[in-house]
C-alpha atoms as a PDB file:
ATOM      1  CA  MET A   1      54.154  21.566  41.125  1.00  0.00           C
ATOM      2  CA  ARG A   2      54.241  17.920  40.118  1.00  0.00           C
ATOM      3  CA  THR A   3      52.410  15.926  37.467  1.00  0.00           C
ATOM      4  CA  CYS A   4      49.803  13.495  38.813  1.00  0.00           C
ATOM      5  CA  PRO A   5      51.143   9.893  38.877  1.00  0.00           C
ATOM      6  CA  HIS A   6      47.630   8.495  38.344  1.00  0.00           C
ATOM      7  CA  CYS A   7      46.223  10.352  35.325  1.00  0.00           C
ATOM      8  CA  ARG A   8      49.539  11.842  34.087  1.00  0.00           C
ATOM      9  CA  THR A   9      47.587  14.881  32.927  1.00  0.00           C
ATOM     10  CA  GLY A  10      46.747  16.918  36.007  1.00  0.00           C
ATOM     11  CA  THR A  11      48.909  18.811  38.419  1.00  0.00           C
ATOM     12  CA  LEU A  12      49.174  18.078  42.144  1.00  0.00           C
ATOM     13  CA  HIS A  13      48.380  21.037  44.398  1.00  0.00           C
ATOM     14  CA  ALA A  14      48.978  21.275  48.154  1.00  0.00           C
ATOM     15  CA  ARG A  15      45.630  21.534  49.995  1.00  0.00           C
ATOM     16  CA  PRO A  16      44.423  20.771  53.537  1.00  0.00           C
ATOM     17  CA  VAL A  17      41.952  17.855  53.697  1.00  0.00           C
ATOM     18  CA  ASN A  18      40.128  15.859  56.368  1.00  0.00           C
ATOM     19  CA  TYR A  19      41.988  12.595  57.008  1.00  0.00           C
ATOM     20  CA  ALA A  20      39.736   9.721  58.106  1.00  0.00           C
ATOM     21  CA  ASN A  21      40.699   6.102  58.737  1.00  0.00           C
ATOM     22  CA  TRP A  22      40.451   3.248  61.247  1.00  0.00           C
ATOM     23  CA  HIS A  23      43.160   3.228  63.942  1.00  0.00           C
ATOM     24  CA  GLY A  24      43.082   0.710  66.775  1.00  0.00           C
ATOM     25  CA  GLY A  25      39.442  -0.219  66.064  1.00  0.00           C
ATOM     26  CA  GLN A  26      38.323   3.424  66.283  1.00  0.00           C
ATOM     27  CA  TYR A  27      37.363   5.669  63.361  1.00  0.00           C
ATOM     28  CA  VAL A  28      39.644   8.713  63.578  1.00  0.00           C
ATOM     29  CA  ILE A  29      39.084  12.013  61.724  1.00  0.00           C
ATOM     30  CA  VAL A  30      41.875  14.598  61.593  1.00  0.00           C
ATOM     31  CA  PRO A  31      40.954  17.968  60.051  1.00  0.00           C
ATOM     32  CA  ASN A  32      43.341  20.119  58.016  1.00  0.00           C
ATOM     33  CA  MET A  33      45.887  17.423  57.136  1.00  0.00           C
ATOM     34  CA  PRO A  34      48.327  18.544  54.440  1.00  0.00           C
ATOM     35  CA  ALA A  35      47.686  16.632  51.218  1.00  0.00           C
ATOM     36  CA  TRP A  36      48.323  16.720  47.478  1.00  0.00           C
ATOM     37  CA  LEU A  37      45.239  16.896  45.212  1.00  0.00           C
ATOM     38  CA  CYS A  38      45.118  16.454  41.437  1.00  0.00           C
ATOM     39  CA  ASP A  39      43.138  19.117  39.603  1.00  0.00           C
ATOM     40  CA  VAL A  40      41.985  16.651  36.901  1.00  0.00           C
ATOM     41  CA  CYS A  41      41.328  13.202  38.417  1.00  0.00           C
ATOM     42  CA  ALA A  42      40.937  14.306  42.081  1.00  0.00           C
ATOM     43  CA  LEU A  43      43.617  11.918  43.331  1.00  0.00           C
ATOM     44  CA  CYS A  44      44.294  12.708  46.994  1.00  0.00           C
ATOM     45  CA  ARG A  45      47.584  11.768  48.649  1.00  0.00           C
ATOM     46  CA  ILE A  46      48.191  12.644  52.296  1.00  0.00           C
ATOM     47  CA  ASP A  47      51.558  14.334  52.749  1.00  0.00           C
ATOM     48  CA  PRO A  48      53.954  11.554  53.842  1.00  0.00           C
ATOM     49  CA  GLU A  49      55.807  13.742  56.359  1.00  0.00           C
ATOM     50  CA  ALA A  50      52.550  14.781  58.071  1.00  0.00           C
ATOM     51  CA  LEU A  51      51.378  11.153  58.172  1.00  0.00           C
ATOM     52  CA  ARG A  52      54.744  10.052  59.609  1.00  0.00           C
ATOM     53  CA  ARG A  53      54.293  12.543  62.466  1.00  0.00           C
ATOM     54  CA  LEU A  54      50.627  11.611  63.041  1.00  0.00           C
ATOM     55  CA  LEU A  55      50.850   7.803  63.208  1.00  0.00           C
ATOM     56  CA  PRO A  56      52.833   7.628  66.498  1.00  0.00           C
ATOM     57  CA  LEU A  57      50.034   9.645  68.128  1.00  0.00           C
ATOM     58  CA  ILE A  58      47.027   7.611  66.945  1.00  0.00           C
ATOM     59  CA  GLY A  59      48.522   4.187  66.174  1.00  0.00           C
ATOM     60  CA  PRO A  60      48.709   2.083  63.031  1.00  0.00           C
ATOM     61  CA  VAL A  61      45.902   1.757  60.496  1.00  0.00           C
ATOM     62  CA  THR A  62      43.618  -1.180  61.377  1.00  0.00           C
ATOM     63  CA  GLN A  63      40.411  -2.803  60.201  1.00  0.00           C
ATOM     64  CA  PRO A  64      37.065  -1.838  61.818  1.00  0.00           C
ATOM     65  CA  ASP A  65      36.202  -3.807  64.970  1.00  0.00           C
ATOM     66  CA  PRO A  66      33.330  -6.146  63.958  1.00  0.00           C
ATOM     67  CA  ALA A  67      32.240  -6.497  67.599  1.00  0.00           C
ATOM     68  CA  GLN A  68      31.312  -2.807  67.792  1.00  0.00           C
ATOM     69  CA  PRO A  69      27.839  -1.704  66.649  1.00  0.00           C
ATOM     70  CA  ARG A  70      27.876   0.347  63.447  1.00  0.00           C
ATOM     71  CA  ARG A  71      24.440   1.974  63.719  1.00  0.00           C
ATOM     72  CA  ALA A  72      23.965   5.696  63.642  1.00  0.00           C
ATOM     73  CA  TRP A  73      23.339   7.438  66.967  1.00  0.00           C
ATOM     74  CA  GLY A  74      19.699   8.239  66.220  1.00  0.00           C
ATOM     75  CA  ALA A  75      18.928   4.687  65.083  1.00  0.00           C
ATOM     76  CA  GLN A  76      19.132   3.255  68.585  1.00  0.00           C
ATOM     77  CA  TRP A  77      16.009   5.055  69.854  1.00  0.00           C
ATOM     78  CA  SER A  78      12.511   5.253  68.471  1.00  0.00           C
ATOM     79  CA  ALA A  79      10.888   8.693  68.097  1.00  0.00           C
ATOM     80  CA  ASN A  80       9.141   8.390  71.497  1.00  0.00           C
ATOM     81  CA  GLU A  81      12.314   7.368  73.357  1.00  0.00           C
ATOM     82  CA  LEU A  82      14.639  10.176  72.275  1.00  0.00           C
ATOM     83  CA  PRO A  83      16.592  11.603  75.205  1.00  0.00           C
ATOM     84  CA  TYR A  84      15.949  15.206  76.180  1.00  0.00           C
ATOM     85  CA  ASP A  85      16.859  17.484  79.034  1.00  0.00           C
ATOM     86  CA  GLU A  86      14.360  19.175  81.354  1.00  0.00           C
ATOM     87  CA  SER A  87      14.739  22.522  79.587  1.00  0.00           C
ATOM     88  CA  ASP A  88      13.363  21.189  76.275  1.00  0.00           C
ATOM     89  CA  PRO A  89      10.388  23.425  75.330  1.00  0.00           C
ATOM     90  CA  ASP A  90       8.969  20.858  72.891  1.00  0.00           C
ATOM     91  CA  ARG A  91       8.961  18.017  75.402  1.00  0.00           C
ATOM     92  CA  ASP A  92       5.218  18.177  76.083  1.00  0.00           C
ATOM     93  CA  ARG A  93       4.352  18.252  72.378  1.00  0.00           C
ATOM     94  CA  ARG A  94       6.290  15.041  71.728  1.00  0.00           C
ATOM     95  CA  THR A  95       4.561  13.071  74.455  1.00  0.00           C
ATOM     96  CA  ALA A  96       1.052  14.238  73.558  1.00  0.00           C
END
């Protein structure tokens, strides 16, 4: 175990975390990435060896693409325009 370089009080522990960052204009989430977490200040450092193996697969870290819309999926439709399939039992209640 190593002492935290940020707070110099806590201890770094190996834990899997969700890695999320922009790569090639796309927001990429990788579950269960090996990381080091401080038990005092909550500093999180992705394991450098795991990151070295991941970056050739997903590309370098980039900035978000400003040309892409950043709205949530549900924000693009009003309540009456939500898509549904023909097997939706509540379909008639929504249109009434």
